[in-house]
């Protein structure tokens, strides 16, 4: 998607719902009455889309995902290595009959 394809503004339909707790309405971009939130009404607003590079934004998202996978994988590998060391430290002696 190039910058030219991103609109400058977008129309967004907002749905106002009564919250489970409190008095201030909750706003969703879809009707959530089927999830137990009483629907109070809706309105359509026009919002300005931030001027951004979508390719750069996707790269940043993927880099974060990559870093998270590396962290999780590193943690798992460290746990495996630690368990191997613990088991290797145990001296096996067969039971005498």
N, C-alpha and C. Protein backbone atom coordinates (compact mmCIF):
# COMPACT_ATOMS: atom_id res chain seq x y z
N UNK A 1 0.86 -1.17 0.00
CA UNK A 1 0.00 0.00 0.00
C UNK A 1 0.91 1.23 0.00
N UNK A 2 0.70 2.08 -0.93
CA UNK A 2 1.49 3.31 -0.99
C UNK A 2 0.79 4.41 -0.23
N UNK A 3 1.55 5.48 0.02
CA UNK A 3 0.97 6.61 0.75
C UNK A 3 -0.22 7.21 -0.01
N UNK A 4 -0.17 7.13 -1.33
CA UNK A 4 -1.24 7.71 -2.13
C UNK A 4 -2.56 6.96 -1.94
N UNK A 5 -2.51 5.70 -1.53
CA UNK A 5 -3.72 4.91 -1.36
C UNK A 5 -4.40 5.15 -0.01
N UNK A 6 -3.69 5.74 0.92
CA UNK A 6 -4.27 5.99 2.23
C UNK A 6 -5.08 7.28 2.16
N UNK A 7 -6.36 7.19 2.55
CA UNK A 7 -7.18 8.41 2.50
C UNK A 7 -6.74 9.41 3.56
N UNK A 8 -7.02 10.67 3.31
CA UNK A 8 -6.69 11.73 4.27
C UNK A 8 -7.65 11.72 5.46
N UNK A 9 -8.91 11.34 5.18
CA UNK A 9 -9.91 11.25 6.24
C UNK A 9 -10.71 9.96 6.07
N UNK A 10 -11.34 9.55 7.15
CA UNK A 10 -12.21 8.36 7.11
C UNK A 10 -13.45 8.63 7.93
N UNK A 11 -14.56 8.06 7.49
CA UNK A 11 -15.78 8.11 8.28
C UNK A 11 -15.83 6.86 9.15
N UNK A 12 -16.10 7.07 10.43
CA UNK A 12 -16.15 5.98 11.39
C UNK A 12 -17.48 6.03 12.12
N UNK A 13 -18.15 4.90 12.15
CA UNK A 13 -19.41 4.82 12.89
C UNK A 13 -19.10 4.41 14.32
N UNK A 14 -19.53 5.22 15.25
CA UNK A 14 -19.32 4.96 16.67
C UNK A 14 -20.63 4.53 17.32
N UNK A 15 -20.55 3.52 18.15
CA UNK A 15 -21.73 3.01 18.86
C UNK A 15 -21.54 3.25 20.34
N UNK A 16 -22.52 3.89 20.94
CA UNK A 16 -22.47 4.22 22.36
C UNK A 16 -23.27 3.19 23.14
N UNK A 17 -22.66 2.69 24.21
CA UNK A 17 -23.28 1.63 25.01
C UNK A 17 -23.23 1.99 26.48
N UNK A 18 -24.21 1.46 27.21
CA UNK A 18 -24.23 1.61 28.66
C UNK A 18 -23.20 0.64 29.22
N UNK A 19 -22.32 1.14 30.10
CA UNK A 19 -21.30 0.25 30.67
C UNK A 19 -21.89 -0.65 31.75
N UNK A 20 -21.20 -1.73 32.04
CA UNK A 20 -21.60 -2.62 33.12
C UNK A 20 -21.46 -1.92 34.46
N UNK A 21 -20.36 -1.17 34.61
CA UNK A 21 -20.11 -0.42 35.84
C UNK A 21 -19.85 1.03 35.47
N UNK A 22 -20.34 1.95 36.27
CA UNK A 22 -20.13 3.36 36.02
C UNK A 22 -21.24 3.95 35.18
N UNK A 23 -21.12 5.26 34.92
CA UNK A 23 -22.17 5.97 34.21
C UNK A 23 -21.76 6.46 32.82
N UNK A 24 -20.47 6.61 32.58
CA UNK A 24 -20.01 7.15 31.31
C UNK A 24 -20.14 6.12 30.20
N UNK A 25 -20.79 6.48 29.10
CA UNK A 25 -20.96 5.52 28.00
C UNK A 25 -19.63 5.00 27.46
N UNK A 26 -19.66 3.78 27.00
CA UNK A 26 -18.52 3.14 26.35
C UNK A 26 -18.74 3.27 24.84
N UNK A 27 -17.67 3.54 24.11
CA UNK A 27 -17.76 3.71 22.65
C UNK A 27 -17.05 2.55 21.96
N UNK A 28 -17.75 1.93 21.03
CA UNK A 28 -17.19 0.86 20.20
C UNK A 28 -17.37 1.25 18.73
N UNK A 29 -16.65 0.60 17.84
CA UNK A 29 -16.84 0.84 16.41
C UNK A 29 -17.83 -0.15 15.81
N UNK A 30 -18.46 -0.95 16.65
CA UNK A 30 -19.54 -1.83 16.19
C UNK A 30 -20.54 -1.99 17.32
N UNK A 31 -21.73 -2.41 16.97
CA UNK A 31 -22.79 -2.61 17.96
C UNK A 31 -22.42 -3.82 18.82
N UNK A 32 -22.27 -3.58 20.11
CA UNK A 32 -21.87 -4.65 21.02
C UNK A 32 -23.02 -5.11 21.91
N UNK A 33 -24.26 -4.82 21.49
CA UNK A 33 -25.41 -5.22 22.31
C UNK A 33 -25.51 -6.74 22.41
N UNK A 34 -25.03 -7.46 21.42
CA UNK A 34 -25.07 -8.93 21.49
C UNK A 34 -24.07 -9.48 22.51
N UNK A 35 -23.22 -8.60 23.06
CA UNK A 35 -22.28 -8.98 24.13
C UNK A 35 -22.76 -8.48 25.49
N UNK A 36 -24.00 -8.03 25.56
CA UNK A 36 -24.58 -7.62 26.83
C UNK A 36 -24.47 -6.15 27.16
N UNK A 37 -24.04 -5.32 26.21
CA UNK A 37 -23.96 -3.88 26.45
C UNK A 37 -25.18 -3.21 25.81
N UNK A 38 -26.07 -2.64 26.59
CA UNK A 38 -27.23 -1.96 26.01
C UNK A 38 -26.80 -0.83 25.07
N UNK A 39 -27.36 -0.84 23.87
CA UNK A 39 -27.01 0.15 22.83
C UNK A 39 -27.76 1.44 23.08
N UNK A 40 -27.02 2.55 23.19
CA UNK A 40 -27.63 3.85 23.46
C UNK A 40 -27.82 4.68 22.20
N UNK A 41 -27.18 4.30 21.11
CA UNK A 41 -27.27 5.05 19.87
C UNK A 41 -25.94 5.05 19.15
N UNK A 42 -25.92 5.65 17.97
CA UNK A 42 -24.69 5.69 17.19
C UNK A 42 -24.55 7.03 16.50
N UNK A 43 -23.36 7.31 16.03
CA UNK A 43 -23.08 8.53 15.29
C UNK A 43 -21.91 8.24 14.36
N UNK A 44 -21.86 8.94 13.25
CA UNK A 44 -20.75 8.80 12.31
C UNK A 44 -19.92 10.06 12.39
N UNK A 45 -18.61 9.87 12.56
CA UNK A 45 -17.69 10.99 12.64
C UNK A 45 -16.64 10.85 11.55
N UNK A 46 -16.07 11.97 11.15
CA UNK A 46 -14.98 11.97 10.18
C UNK A 46 -13.70 12.24 10.95
N UNK A 47 -12.74 11.35 10.80
CA UNK A 47 -11.46 11.49 11.49
C UNK A 47 -10.34 11.69 10.48
N UNK A 48 -9.30 12.38 10.90
CA UNK A 48 -8.14 12.59 10.06
C UNK A 48 -7.18 11.42 10.26
N UNK A 49 -6.75 10.83 9.16
CA UNK A 49 -5.81 9.71 9.21
C UNK A 49 -4.40 10.29 9.37
N UNK A 50 -3.63 9.78 10.35
CA UNK A 50 -2.28 10.30 10.54
C UNK A 50 -1.44 10.10 9.26
N UNK A 51 -0.62 11.07 8.97
CA UNK A 51 0.28 10.98 7.82
C UNK A 51 1.44 10.09 8.22
N UNK A 52 1.48 8.90 7.66
CA UNK A 52 2.50 7.93 8.04
C UNK A 52 2.89 7.07 6.85
N UNK A 53 4.00 6.41 6.96
CA UNK A 53 4.48 5.50 5.93
C UNK A 53 4.02 4.09 6.31
N UNK A 54 3.07 3.51 5.57
CA UNK A 54 2.54 2.20 5.96
C UNK A 54 3.58 1.08 5.89
N UNK A 55 4.53 1.18 4.97
CA UNK A 55 5.57 0.16 4.87
C UNK A 55 6.47 0.21 6.10
N UNK A 56 6.86 1.41 6.50
CA UNK A 56 7.68 1.58 7.70
C UNK A 56 6.94 1.06 8.93
N UNK A 57 5.64 1.36 9.02
CA UNK A 57 4.84 0.91 10.16
C UNK A 57 4.79 -0.62 10.21
N UNK A 58 4.65 -1.27 9.06
CA UNK A 58 4.61 -2.73 9.04
C UNK A 58 5.96 -3.32 9.40
N UNK A 59 7.04 -2.71 8.90
CA UNK A 59 8.38 -3.18 9.24
C UNK A 59 8.60 -3.09 10.74
N UNK A 60 8.20 -1.97 11.36
CA UNK A 60 8.36 -1.81 12.80
C UNK A 60 7.57 -2.86 13.57
N UNK A 61 6.35 -3.16 13.11
CA UNK A 61 5.52 -4.17 13.75
C UNK A 61 6.20 -5.54 13.64
N UNK A 62 6.73 -5.87 12.46
CA UNK A 62 7.38 -7.16 12.26
C UNK A 62 8.66 -7.27 13.08
N UNK A 63 9.40 -6.17 13.19
CA UNK A 63 10.61 -6.19 14.01
C UNK A 63 10.28 -6.46 15.47
N UNK A 64 9.20 -5.87 15.97
CA UNK A 64 8.77 -6.12 17.35
C UNK A 64 8.37 -7.58 17.53
N UNK A 65 7.65 -8.12 16.55
CA UNK A 65 7.24 -9.53 16.61
C UNK A 65 8.47 -10.44 16.58
N UNK A 66 9.44 -10.11 15.72
CA UNK A 66 10.68 -10.88 15.62
C UNK A 66 11.41 -10.87 16.96
N UNK A 67 11.53 -9.69 17.56
CA UNK A 67 12.25 -9.57 18.83
C UNK A 67 11.55 -10.36 19.93
N UNK A 68 10.22 -10.36 19.91
CA UNK A 68 9.47 -11.12 20.91
C UNK A 68 9.70 -12.62 20.73
N UNK A 69 9.69 -13.08 19.49
CA UNK A 69 9.95 -14.51 19.22
C UNK A 69 11.35 -14.87 19.66
N UNK A 70 12.33 -14.01 19.37
CA UNK A 70 13.71 -14.28 19.79
C UNK A 70 13.80 -14.38 21.31
N UNK A 71 13.12 -13.48 22.01
CA UNK A 71 13.13 -13.50 23.47
C UNK A 71 12.52 -14.79 23.99
N UNK A 72 11.35 -15.15 23.46
CA UNK A 72 10.66 -16.36 23.92
C UNK A 72 11.50 -17.60 23.61
N UNK A 73 12.08 -17.65 22.42
CA UNK A 73 12.90 -18.79 22.03
C UNK A 73 14.14 -18.86 22.91
N UNK A 74 14.75 -17.70 23.17
CA UNK A 74 15.93 -17.66 24.03
C UNK A 74 15.61 -18.17 25.43
N UNK A 75 14.46 -17.76 25.97
CA UNK A 75 14.06 -18.22 27.29
C UNK A 75 13.86 -19.73 27.31
N UNK A 76 13.21 -20.26 26.28
CA UNK A 76 12.98 -21.71 26.21
C UNK A 76 14.30 -22.46 26.09
N UNK A 77 15.21 -21.96 25.24
CA UNK A 77 16.51 -22.60 25.09
C UNK A 77 17.30 -22.57 26.40
N UNK A 78 17.24 -21.44 27.10
CA UNK A 78 17.93 -21.35 28.39
C UNK A 78 17.37 -22.35 29.39
N UNK A 79 16.06 -22.51 29.40
CA UNK A 79 15.44 -23.49 30.30
C UNK A 79 15.88 -24.91 29.97
N UNK A 80 15.95 -25.22 28.68
CA UNK A 80 16.39 -26.55 28.25
C UNK A 80 17.85 -26.78 28.64
N UNK A 81 18.69 -25.78 28.37
CA UNK A 81 20.11 -25.89 28.71
C UNK A 81 20.30 -26.07 30.22
N UNK A 82 19.54 -25.33 31.01
CA UNK A 82 19.63 -25.43 32.47
C UNK A 82 19.23 -26.83 32.93
N UNK A 83 18.16 -27.36 32.35
CA UNK A 83 17.71 -28.71 32.74
C UNK A 83 18.75 -29.76 32.35
N UNK A 84 19.36 -29.60 31.17
CA UNK A 84 20.42 -30.52 30.75
C UNK A 84 21.57 -30.50 31.76
N UNK A 85 21.99 -29.31 32.18
CA UNK A 85 23.07 -29.18 33.16
C UNK A 85 22.69 -29.83 34.49
N UNK A 86 21.44 -29.62 34.91
CA UNK A 86 21.00 -30.22 36.16
C UNK A 86 21.03 -31.74 36.09
N UNK A 87 20.55 -32.27 34.97
CA UNK A 87 20.53 -33.72 34.82
C UNK A 87 21.93 -34.29 34.67
N UNK A 88 22.81 -33.57 33.99
CA UNK A 88 24.18 -34.04 33.80
C UNK A 88 24.94 -34.06 35.13
N UNK A 89 24.53 -33.25 36.08
CA UNK A 89 25.20 -33.20 37.38
C UNK A 89 24.80 -34.36 38.28
N UNK A 90 23.73 -35.05 37.91
CA UNK A 90 23.27 -36.19 38.71
C UNK A 90 24.07 -37.41 38.31
N UNK A 91 24.67 -38.06 39.30
CA UNK A 91 25.45 -39.26 39.00
C UNK A 91 24.51 -40.46 39.08
N UNK A 92 24.49 -41.23 38.02
CA UNK A 92 23.61 -42.40 37.97
C UNK A 92 24.31 -43.59 38.58
N UNK A 93 23.68 -44.19 39.55
CA UNK A 93 24.20 -45.40 40.18
C UNK A 93 23.09 -46.44 40.17
N UNK A 94 23.29 -47.51 39.41
CA UNK A 94 22.26 -48.54 39.38
C UNK A 94 22.09 -49.19 40.77
N UNK A 95 20.88 -49.60 41.07
CA UNK A 95 20.62 -50.26 42.34
C UNK A 95 21.28 -51.62 42.36
N UNK A 96 21.87 -51.93 43.50
CA UNK A 96 22.51 -53.24 43.65
C UNK A 96 21.44 -54.27 44.00
N UNK A 97 21.63 -55.45 43.44
CA UNK A 97 20.66 -56.53 43.71
C UNK A 97 21.15 -57.49 44.74
